[in-house]
Amino acid sequence: MELLLLRHGLAEDPGPATEHRDEPRALTPKGSMRMRLGASGMRALGVAPDVLVSSPLTRCAQTADIVGDHLGLEPALDDRLRPGMRTDGAAEIIAEHPGVASLMMCGHQPDLSLLAGVLVGGGYIEFRKGTLAILDVTSARAAGASLVALYPPKVLRHLGS
């Protein structure tokens, strides 16, 4: 299975720590514009997931909507992709799509770096806002995948412009 890991776009500042307003943070206008360009870049690369699953937090859901619009997909929201995602939660999502050739997950940091690191057998993959990683997954367990490509947001935007 091809696993596409996407970090959400540039979002509003959460404000002072005492406000605890992480969940409703939306993409900024600049973040939305950048994600539209990035999604165009994904389309130019031929990225074509069969399924798009996203964290339900506003900034991820908005990112998934933008990407879904460009790639012809309706995103599904999944609580297992919330911040603090566990590797076994991602493995469950993968297992729930056995006949799917390509699955995209939209999530958060540091979760995506940790997941990618576990799947490729170690290391750290940096996910800036809007980064896309493509992994070839033979097994949704430690060292069960290989990194095929990593597209920083600037590269995706350049391809989309």
N, C-alpha and C. Protein backbone atom coordinates (compact mmCIF):
# COMPACT_ATOMS: atom_id res chain seq x y z
N MET A 1 0.85 -1.18 0.00
CA MET A 1 0.00 0.00 0.00
C MET A 1 0.89 1.24 0.00
N GLU A 2 0.45 2.23 -0.76
CA GLU A 2 1.11 3.53 -0.71
C GLU A 2 0.44 4.33 0.40
N LEU A 3 1.25 4.82 1.33
CA LEU A 3 0.75 5.64 2.43
C LEU A 3 1.28 7.05 2.25
N LEU A 4 0.36 8.00 2.16
CA LEU A 4 0.71 9.41 2.01
C LEU A 4 0.44 10.09 3.34
N LEU A 5 1.46 10.67 3.93
CA LEU A 5 1.32 11.38 5.19
C LEU A 5 1.44 12.87 4.92
N LEU A 6 0.43 13.62 5.30
CA LEU A 6 0.36 15.06 5.04
C LEU A 6 0.16 15.82 6.35
N ARG A 7 1.00 16.80 6.58
CA ARG A 7 0.80 17.67 7.73
C ARG A 7 -0.09 18.84 7.30
N HIS A 8 -0.96 19.24 8.21
CA HIS A 8 -1.87 20.36 7.93
C HIS A 8 -1.09 21.63 7.58
N GLY A 9 -1.81 22.58 7.02
CA GLY A 9 -1.22 23.86 6.62
C GLY A 9 -1.07 24.83 7.77
N LEU A 10 -0.56 26.00 7.45
CA LEU A 10 -0.30 27.06 8.40
C LEU A 10 -1.59 27.50 9.08
N ALA A 11 -1.60 27.44 10.42
CA ALA A 11 -2.82 27.73 11.19
C ALA A 11 -2.62 28.95 12.09
N GLU A 12 -3.75 29.39 12.63
CA GLU A 12 -3.75 30.52 13.57
C GLU A 12 -2.87 30.21 14.77
N ASP A 13 -2.36 31.26 15.37
CA ASP A 13 -1.58 31.14 16.60
C ASP A 13 -2.53 30.69 17.71
N PRO A 14 -2.11 29.72 18.54
CA PRO A 14 -2.99 29.27 19.60
C PRO A 14 -3.18 30.28 20.73
N GLY A 15 -2.39 31.34 20.75
CA GLY A 15 -2.50 32.32 21.82
C GLY A 15 -1.83 31.82 23.08
N PRO A 16 -2.03 32.55 24.19
CA PRO A 16 -1.41 32.14 25.45
C PRO A 16 -1.82 30.72 25.84
N ALA A 17 -0.89 30.02 26.47
CA ALA A 17 -1.12 28.62 26.85
C ALA A 17 -2.35 28.45 27.73
N THR A 18 -2.71 29.48 28.47
CA THR A 18 -3.86 29.35 29.37
C THR A 18 -5.19 29.31 28.62
N GLU A 19 -5.20 29.68 27.34
CA GLU A 19 -6.45 29.70 26.59
C GLU A 19 -6.89 28.31 26.14
N HIS A 20 -5.96 27.36 25.99
CA HIS A 20 -6.28 25.99 25.58
C HIS A 20 -7.21 25.96 24.38
N ARG A 21 -6.82 26.67 23.34
CA ARG A 21 -7.68 26.70 22.17
C ARG A 21 -7.01 26.06 20.96
N ASP A 22 -6.45 24.89 21.17
CA ASP A 22 -5.78 24.20 20.07
C ASP A 22 -6.77 23.62 19.06
N GLU A 23 -7.85 23.04 19.54
CA GLU A 23 -8.78 22.34 18.68
C GLU A 23 -9.43 23.21 17.60
N PRO A 24 -9.92 24.40 17.91
CA PRO A 24 -10.62 25.18 16.88
C PRO A 24 -9.71 26.00 15.97
N ARG A 25 -8.38 25.90 16.13
CA ARG A 25 -7.48 26.71 15.31
C ARG A 25 -7.69 26.42 13.83
N ALA A 26 -7.97 27.46 13.08
CA ALA A 26 -8.22 27.33 11.64
C ALA A 26 -6.96 27.67 10.84
N LEU A 27 -6.97 27.28 9.58
CA LEU A 27 -5.91 27.72 8.68
C LEU A 27 -6.00 29.23 8.53
N THR A 28 -4.87 29.87 8.43
CA THR A 28 -4.86 31.30 8.13
C THR A 28 -5.17 31.47 6.64
N PRO A 29 -5.53 32.68 6.20
CA PRO A 29 -5.71 32.88 4.75
C PRO A 29 -4.47 32.49 3.95
N LYS A 30 -3.30 32.82 4.49
CA LYS A 30 -2.05 32.44 3.82
C LYS A 30 -1.90 30.91 3.81
N GLY A 31 -2.27 30.27 4.92
CA GLY A 31 -2.20 28.82 5.01
C GLY A 31 -3.12 28.14 4.01
N SER A 32 -4.34 28.68 3.85
CA SER A 32 -5.29 28.13 2.86
C SER A 32 -4.76 28.29 1.45
N MET A 33 -4.23 29.48 1.14
CA MET A 33 -3.69 29.73 -0.20
C MET A 33 -2.52 28.79 -0.48
N ARG A 34 -1.63 28.64 0.49
CA ARG A 34 -0.49 27.75 0.30
C ARG A 34 -0.93 26.30 0.12
N MET A 35 -1.94 25.87 0.87
CA MET A 35 -2.41 24.49 0.72
C MET A 35 -3.06 24.28 -0.64
N ARG A 36 -3.76 25.28 -1.16
CA ARG A 36 -4.33 25.15 -2.51
C ARG A 36 -3.22 24.96 -3.55
N LEU A 37 -2.15 25.75 -3.42
CA LEU A 37 -1.02 25.59 -4.34
C LEU A 37 -0.36 24.23 -4.14
N GLY A 38 -0.20 23.82 -2.88
CA GLY A 38 0.39 22.51 -2.59
C GLY A 38 -0.45 21.38 -3.14
N ALA A 39 -1.77 21.49 -3.02
CA ALA A 39 -2.66 20.46 -3.55
C ALA A 39 -2.57 20.41 -5.08
N SER A 40 -2.41 21.57 -5.72
CA SER A 40 -2.20 21.60 -7.17
C SER A 40 -0.90 20.90 -7.52
N GLY A 41 0.12 21.11 -6.69
CA GLY A 41 1.39 20.42 -6.89
C GLY A 41 1.25 18.92 -6.75
N MET A 42 0.44 18.48 -5.78
CA MET A 42 0.20 17.04 -5.62
C MET A 42 -0.47 16.48 -6.87
N ARG A 43 -1.44 17.20 -7.37
CA ARG A 43 -2.12 16.76 -8.60
C ARG A 43 -1.14 16.70 -9.76
N ALA A 44 -0.24 17.69 -9.87
CA ALA A 44 0.76 17.71 -10.94
C ALA A 44 1.71 16.52 -10.83
N LEU A 45 1.97 16.07 -9.61
CA LEU A 45 2.83 14.90 -9.40
C LEU A 45 2.12 13.58 -9.69
N GLY A 46 0.81 13.65 -9.84
CA GLY A 46 0.05 12.42 -10.05
C GLY A 46 -0.36 11.73 -8.77
N VAL A 47 -0.30 12.46 -7.65
CA VAL A 47 -0.73 11.90 -6.37
C VAL A 47 -2.24 11.62 -6.49
N ALA A 48 -2.62 10.37 -6.22
CA ALA A 48 -4.03 9.99 -6.41
C ALA A 48 -4.45 8.97 -5.36
N PRO A 49 -4.60 9.41 -4.11
CA PRO A 49 -5.03 8.45 -3.08
C PRO A 49 -6.47 7.99 -3.34
N ASP A 50 -6.74 6.77 -2.91
CA ASP A 50 -8.09 6.23 -3.00
C ASP A 50 -8.95 6.72 -1.84
N VAL A 51 -8.29 6.95 -0.72
CA VAL A 51 -8.97 7.34 0.52
C VAL A 51 -8.17 8.45 1.19
N LEU A 52 -8.88 9.41 1.77
CA LEU A 52 -8.27 10.51 2.52
C LEU A 52 -8.90 10.55 3.91
N VAL A 53 -8.07 10.34 4.93
CA VAL A 53 -8.52 10.33 6.32
C VAL A 53 -7.79 11.45 7.04
N SER A 54 -8.51 12.20 7.88
CA SER A 54 -7.93 13.37 8.53
C SER A 54 -8.27 13.43 10.01
N SER A 55 -7.39 14.06 10.75
CA SER A 55 -7.70 14.46 12.12
C SER A 55 -8.92 15.37 12.05
N PRO A 56 -9.79 15.32 13.06
CA PRO A 56 -10.96 16.18 13.03
C PRO A 56 -10.69 17.62 13.47
N LEU A 57 -9.48 17.94 13.95
CA LEU A 57 -9.21 19.31 14.35
C LEU A 57 -9.34 20.23 13.14
N THR A 58 -9.85 21.42 13.38
CA THR A 58 -10.22 22.33 12.31
C THR A 58 -9.15 22.50 11.25
N ARG A 59 -7.91 22.76 11.65
CA ARG A 59 -6.86 23.04 10.67
C ARG A 59 -6.58 21.82 9.78
N CYS A 60 -6.70 20.62 10.33
CA CYS A 60 -6.51 19.40 9.53
C CYS A 60 -7.71 19.16 8.62
N ALA A 61 -8.90 19.32 9.16
CA ALA A 61 -10.11 19.11 8.36
C ALA A 61 -10.13 20.08 7.18
N GLN A 62 -9.73 21.34 7.42
CA GLN A 62 -9.68 22.32 6.32
C GLN A 62 -8.63 21.92 5.29
N THR A 63 -7.47 21.47 5.75
CA THR A 63 -6.41 21.02 4.84
C THR A 63 -6.92 19.86 4.00
N ALA A 64 -7.56 18.89 4.65
CA ALA A 64 -8.09 17.73 3.94
C ALA A 64 -9.17 18.13 2.94
N ASP A 65 -10.00 19.10 3.28
CA ASP A 65 -11.02 19.58 2.35
C ASP A 65 -10.38 20.18 1.10
N ILE A 66 -9.35 20.98 1.30
CA ILE A 66 -8.65 21.61 0.17
C ILE A 66 -8.03 20.55 -0.73
N VAL A 67 -7.30 19.63 -0.12
CA VAL A 67 -6.64 18.57 -0.88
C VAL A 67 -7.68 17.67 -1.54
N GLY A 68 -8.72 17.33 -0.80
CA GLY A 68 -9.79 16.51 -1.36
C GLY A 68 -10.45 17.15 -2.57
N ASP A 69 -10.69 18.46 -2.51
CA ASP A 69 -11.26 19.18 -3.65
C ASP A 69 -10.37 19.07 -4.88
N HIS A 70 -9.06 19.19 -4.68
CA HIS A 70 -8.13 19.13 -5.81
C HIS A 70 -7.95 17.72 -6.35
N LEU A 71 -8.11 16.73 -5.48
CA LEU A 71 -7.85 15.35 -5.90
C LEU A 71 -9.12 14.53 -6.10
N GLY A 72 -10.28 15.16 -5.93
CA GLY A 72 -11.54 14.47 -6.15
C GLY A 72 -11.92 13.48 -5.07
N LEU A 73 -11.64 13.82 -3.82
CA LEU A 73 -11.93 12.93 -2.69
C LEU A 73 -12.75 13.63 -1.62
N GLU A 74 -13.54 12.87 -0.92
CA GLU A 74 -14.27 13.36 0.24
C GLU A 74 -13.54 12.86 1.48
N PRO A 75 -12.94 13.76 2.27
CA PRO A 75 -12.19 13.32 3.45
C PRO A 75 -13.10 12.72 4.53
N ALA A 76 -12.57 11.73 5.21
CA ALA A 76 -13.22 11.15 6.39
C ALA A 76 -12.44 11.61 7.61
N LEU A 77 -13.15 12.05 8.65
CA LEU A 77 -12.50 12.50 9.88
C LEU A 77 -12.38 11.32 10.83
N ASP A 78 -11.22 11.22 11.49
CA ASP A 78 -10.97 10.09 12.38
C ASP A 78 -10.26 10.58 13.64
N ASP A 79 -10.88 10.34 14.79
CA ASP A 79 -10.31 10.78 16.07
C ASP A 79 -8.94 10.19 16.35
N ARG A 80 -8.62 9.07 15.75
CA ARG A 80 -7.30 8.44 16.00
C ARG A 80 -6.15 9.27 15.43
N LEU A 81 -6.46 10.27 14.59
CA LEU A 81 -5.42 11.12 14.02
C LEU A 81 -5.27 12.45 14.76
N ARG A 82 -5.97 12.60 15.89
CA ARG A 82 -5.82 13.80 16.72
C ARG A 82 -4.38 13.91 17.22
N PRO A 83 -3.97 15.10 17.68
CA PRO A 83 -2.64 15.22 18.28
C PRO A 83 -2.46 14.18 19.39
N GLY A 84 -1.28 13.58 19.41
CA GLY A 84 -1.01 12.50 20.35
C GLY A 84 -1.32 11.15 19.75
N MET A 85 -1.54 11.11 18.43
CA MET A 85 -1.85 9.88 17.71
C MET A 85 -0.86 8.78 18.09
N ARG A 86 -1.39 7.61 18.27
CA ARG A 86 -0.56 6.45 18.57
C ARG A 86 -0.30 5.68 17.28
N THR A 87 0.85 5.08 17.20
CA THR A 87 1.20 4.31 16.01
C THR A 87 0.19 3.20 15.75
N ASP A 88 -0.30 2.57 16.83
CA ASP A 88 -1.27 1.49 16.62
C ASP A 88 -2.60 2.03 16.08
N GLY A 89 -2.95 3.28 16.38
CA GLY A 89 -4.15 3.89 15.81
C GLY A 89 -4.01 4.05 14.30
N ALA A 90 -2.84 4.49 13.86
CA ALA A 90 -2.59 4.61 12.42
C ALA A 90 -2.59 3.22 11.77
N ALA A 91 -2.03 2.23 12.45
CA ALA A 91 -2.02 0.86 11.93
C ALA A 91 -3.44 0.33 11.78
N GLU A 92 -4.32 0.69 12.72
CA GLU A 92 -5.73 0.27 12.62
C GLU A 92 -6.39 0.88 11.39
N ILE A 93 -6.11 2.16 11.15
CA ILE A 93 -6.69 2.82 9.98
C ILE A 93 -6.22 2.13 8.70
N ILE A 94 -4.94 1.83 8.64
CA ILE A 94 -4.39 1.13 7.47
C ILE A 94 -5.08 -0.23 7.31
N ALA A 95 -5.22 -0.97 8.40
CA ALA A 95 -5.83 -2.30 8.37
C ALA A 95 -7.31 -2.25 7.93
N GLU A 96 -7.98 -1.14 8.20
CA GLU A 96 -9.38 -0.98 7.83
C GLU A 96 -9.58 -0.74 6.33
N HIS A 97 -8.48 -0.59 5.59
CA HIS A 97 -8.55 -0.32 4.15
C HIS A 97 -7.70 -1.35 3.39
N PRO A 98 -8.03 -2.65 3.52
CA PRO A 98 -7.18 -3.69 2.93
C PRO A 98 -7.10 -3.68 1.41
N GLY A 99 -8.13 -3.26 0.72
CA GLY A 99 -8.12 -3.28 -0.73
C GLY A 99 -7.68 -1.99 -1.37
N VAL A 100 -7.25 -1.04 -0.55
CA VAL A 100 -6.89 0.29 -1.04
C VAL A 100 -5.43 0.31 -1.47
N ALA A 101 -5.17 0.83 -2.65
CA ALA A 101 -3.80 0.93 -3.15
C ALA A 101 -3.07 2.12 -2.55
N SER A 102 -3.81 3.21 -2.28
CA SER A 102 -3.18 4.44 -1.80
C SER A 102 -4.08 5.12 -0.76
N LEU A 103 -3.51 5.37 0.41
CA LEU A 103 -4.23 5.97 1.53
C LEU A 103 -3.49 7.22 2.00
N MET A 104 -4.21 8.33 2.11
CA MET A 104 -3.62 9.57 2.62
C MET A 104 -4.16 9.84 4.02
N MET A 105 -3.25 10.20 4.94
CA MET A 105 -3.60 10.60 6.29
C MET A 105 -3.12 12.02 6.52
N CYS A 106 -4.02 12.89 6.98
CA CYS A 106 -3.67 14.27 7.31
C CYS A 106 -3.62 14.39 8.82
N GLY A 107 -2.47 14.80 9.35
CA GLY A 107 -2.31 14.84 10.79
C GLY A 107 -1.40 15.95 11.28
N HIS A 108 -0.82 15.71 12.45
CA HIS A 108 -0.11 16.72 13.22
C HIS A 108 1.32 16.28 13.53
N GLN A 109 2.07 17.24 14.01
CA GLN A 109 3.42 17.00 14.52
C GLN A 109 3.37 16.93 16.03
N PRO A 110 4.22 16.19 16.68
CA PRO A 110 5.29 15.36 16.10
C PRO A 110 4.83 13.98 15.66
N ASP A 111 3.53 13.76 15.69
CA ASP A 111 2.97 12.43 15.42
C ASP A 111 3.40 11.86 14.07
N LEU A 112 3.34 12.68 13.01
CA LEU A 112 3.68 12.17 11.69
C LEU A 112 5.15 11.76 11.60
N SER A 113 6.03 12.55 12.20
CA SER A 113 7.46 12.20 12.21
C SER A 113 7.69 10.91 12.97
N LEU A 114 7.02 10.76 14.11
CA LEU A 114 7.17 9.54 14.90
C LEU A 114 6.64 8.33 14.14
N LEU A 115 5.47 8.46 13.52
CA LEU A 115 4.89 7.36 12.75
C LEU A 115 5.81 6.97 11.60
N ALA A 116 6.23 7.95 10.82
CA ALA A 116 7.10 7.67 9.68
C ALA A 116 8.40 7.01 10.15
N GLY A 117 8.97 7.51 11.24
CA GLY A 117 10.20 6.93 11.77
C GLY A 117 10.03 5.48 12.17
N VAL A 118 8.93 5.16 12.83
CA VAL A 118 8.67 3.77 13.22
C VAL A 118 8.49 2.90 11.98
N LEU A 119 7.68 3.38 11.03
CA LEU A 119 7.39 2.56 9.85
C LEU A 119 8.62 2.28 9.00
N VAL A 120 9.56 3.24 8.93
CA VAL A 120 10.75 3.02 8.10
C VAL A 120 11.90 2.40 8.90
N GLY A 121 11.66 2.14 10.17
CA GLY A 121 12.67 1.44 10.97
C GLY A 121 13.65 2.34 11.68
N GLY A 122 13.30 3.59 11.88
CA GLY A 122 14.17 4.50 12.63
C GLY A 122 14.43 5.78 11.88
N GLY A 123 14.94 6.74 12.59
CA GLY A 123 15.25 8.03 12.00
C GLY A 123 14.15 9.04 12.27
N TYR A 124 14.38 10.24 11.78
CA TYR A 124 13.43 11.33 11.99
C TYR A 124 13.19 12.01 10.66
N ILE A 125 11.93 12.10 10.28
CA ILE A 125 11.54 12.77 9.05
C ILE A 125 10.83 14.06 9.43
N GLU A 126 11.35 15.18 8.99
CA GLU A 126 10.79 16.49 9.34
C GLU A 126 9.54 16.78 8.52
N PHE A 127 8.47 17.14 9.21
CA PHE A 127 7.23 17.52 8.56
C PHE A 127 6.93 18.98 8.87
N ARG A 128 7.32 19.86 7.97
CA ARG A 128 6.90 21.26 8.09
C ARG A 128 5.43 21.32 7.71
N LYS A 129 4.78 22.40 8.02
CA LYS A 129 3.36 22.54 7.69
C LYS A 129 3.17 22.44 6.18
N GLY A 130 2.36 21.47 5.74
CA GLY A 130 2.12 21.25 4.33
C GLY A 130 3.02 20.23 3.68
N THR A 131 3.89 19.56 4.44
CA THR A 131 4.79 18.54 3.90
C THR A 131 4.02 17.27 3.57
N LEU A 132 4.42 16.61 2.49
CA LEU A 132 3.86 15.33 2.08
C LEU A 132 4.97 14.29 2.02
N ALA A 133 4.76 13.17 2.70
CA ALA A 133 5.69 12.03 2.62
C ALA A 133 4.94 10.87 1.98
N ILE A 134 5.63 10.13 1.13
CA ILE A 134 5.05 8.96 0.49
C ILE A 134 5.86 7.75 0.93
N LEU A 135 5.16 6.79 1.50
CA LEU A 135 5.78 5.56 1.98
C LEU A 135 5.18 4.36 1.27
N ASP A 136 6.01 3.36 1.02
CA ASP A 136 5.54 2.08 0.51
C ASP A 136 5.45 1.16 1.72
N VAL A 137 4.23 0.80 2.11
CA VAL A 137 4.00 0.02 3.32
C VAL A 137 3.71 -1.43 2.95
N THR A 138 4.57 -2.33 3.41
CA THR A 138 4.31 -3.75 3.24
C THR A 138 3.67 -4.32 4.49
N SER A 139 3.94 -3.67 5.64
CA SER A 139 3.35 -4.07 6.91
C SER A 139 3.26 -2.83 7.80
N ALA A 140 2.13 -2.65 8.46
CA ALA A 140 1.93 -1.46 9.30
C ALA A 140 2.53 -1.69 10.69
N ARG A 141 3.80 -2.06 10.70
CA ARG A 141 4.52 -2.25 11.96
C ARG A 141 5.94 -1.71 11.79
N ALA A 142 6.72 -1.74 12.85
CA ALA A 142 8.07 -1.20 12.81
C ALA A 142 8.87 -1.81 11.65
N ALA A 143 9.51 -0.93 10.91
CA ALA A 143 10.34 -1.30 9.76
C ALA A 143 9.54 -2.00 8.66
N GLY A 144 8.25 -1.74 8.58
CA GLY A 144 7.41 -2.36 7.57
C GLY A 144 7.19 -1.50 6.35
N ALA A 145 7.95 -0.42 6.23
CA ALA A 145 7.75 0.50 5.10
C ALA A 145 9.08 1.09 4.66
N SER A 146 9.05 1.68 3.48
CA SER A 146 10.21 2.43 3.01
C SER A 146 9.74 3.79 2.52
N LEU A 147 10.58 4.77 2.71
CA LEU A 147 10.28 6.13 2.27
C LEU A 147 10.53 6.22 0.77
N VAL A 148 9.50 6.59 0.04
CA VAL A 148 9.60 6.71 -1.41
C VAL A 148 9.93 8.14 -1.81
N ALA A 149 9.26 9.10 -1.17
CA ALA A 149 9.48 10.51 -1.52
C ALA A 149 9.08 11.39 -0.35
N LEU A 150 9.71 12.55 -0.29
CA LEU A 150 9.38 13.56 0.71
C LEU A 150 9.32 14.90 -0.01
N TYR A 151 8.15 15.53 0.05
CA TYR A 151 7.94 16.80 -0.64
C TYR A 151 7.70 17.91 0.37
N PRO A 152 8.71 18.76 0.57
CA PRO A 152 8.51 19.92 1.43
C PRO A 152 7.45 20.85 0.82
N PRO A 153 6.80 21.67 1.63
CA PRO A 153 5.72 22.51 1.12
C PRO A 153 6.15 23.45 -0.01
N LYS A 154 7.36 23.98 0.04
CA LYS A 154 7.81 24.89 -1.02
C LYS A 154 7.87 24.18 -2.37
N VAL A 155 8.28 22.93 -2.36
CA VAL A 155 8.35 22.16 -3.60
C VAL A 155 6.96 21.91 -4.15
N LEU A 156 6.02 21.51 -3.29
CA LEU A 156 4.65 21.28 -3.73
C LEU A 156 4.03 22.57 -4.30
N ARG A 157 4.27 23.69 -3.61
CA ARG A 157 3.71 24.96 -4.09
C ARG A 157 4.31 25.35 -5.43
N HIS A 158 5.61 25.12 -5.59
CA HIS A 158 6.27 25.45 -6.86
C HIS A 158 5.68 24.60 -8.00
N LEU A 159 5.48 23.31 -7.72
CA LEU A 159 4.88 22.44 -8.74
C LEU A 159 3.45 22.83 -9.07
N GLY A 160 2.76 23.42 -8.08
CA GLY A 160 1.37 23.79 -8.28
C GLY A 160 1.16 25.16 -8.89
N SER A 161 2.22 25.93 -9.02
CA SER A 161 2.05 27.30 -9.55
C SER A 161 2.26 27.37 -11.05
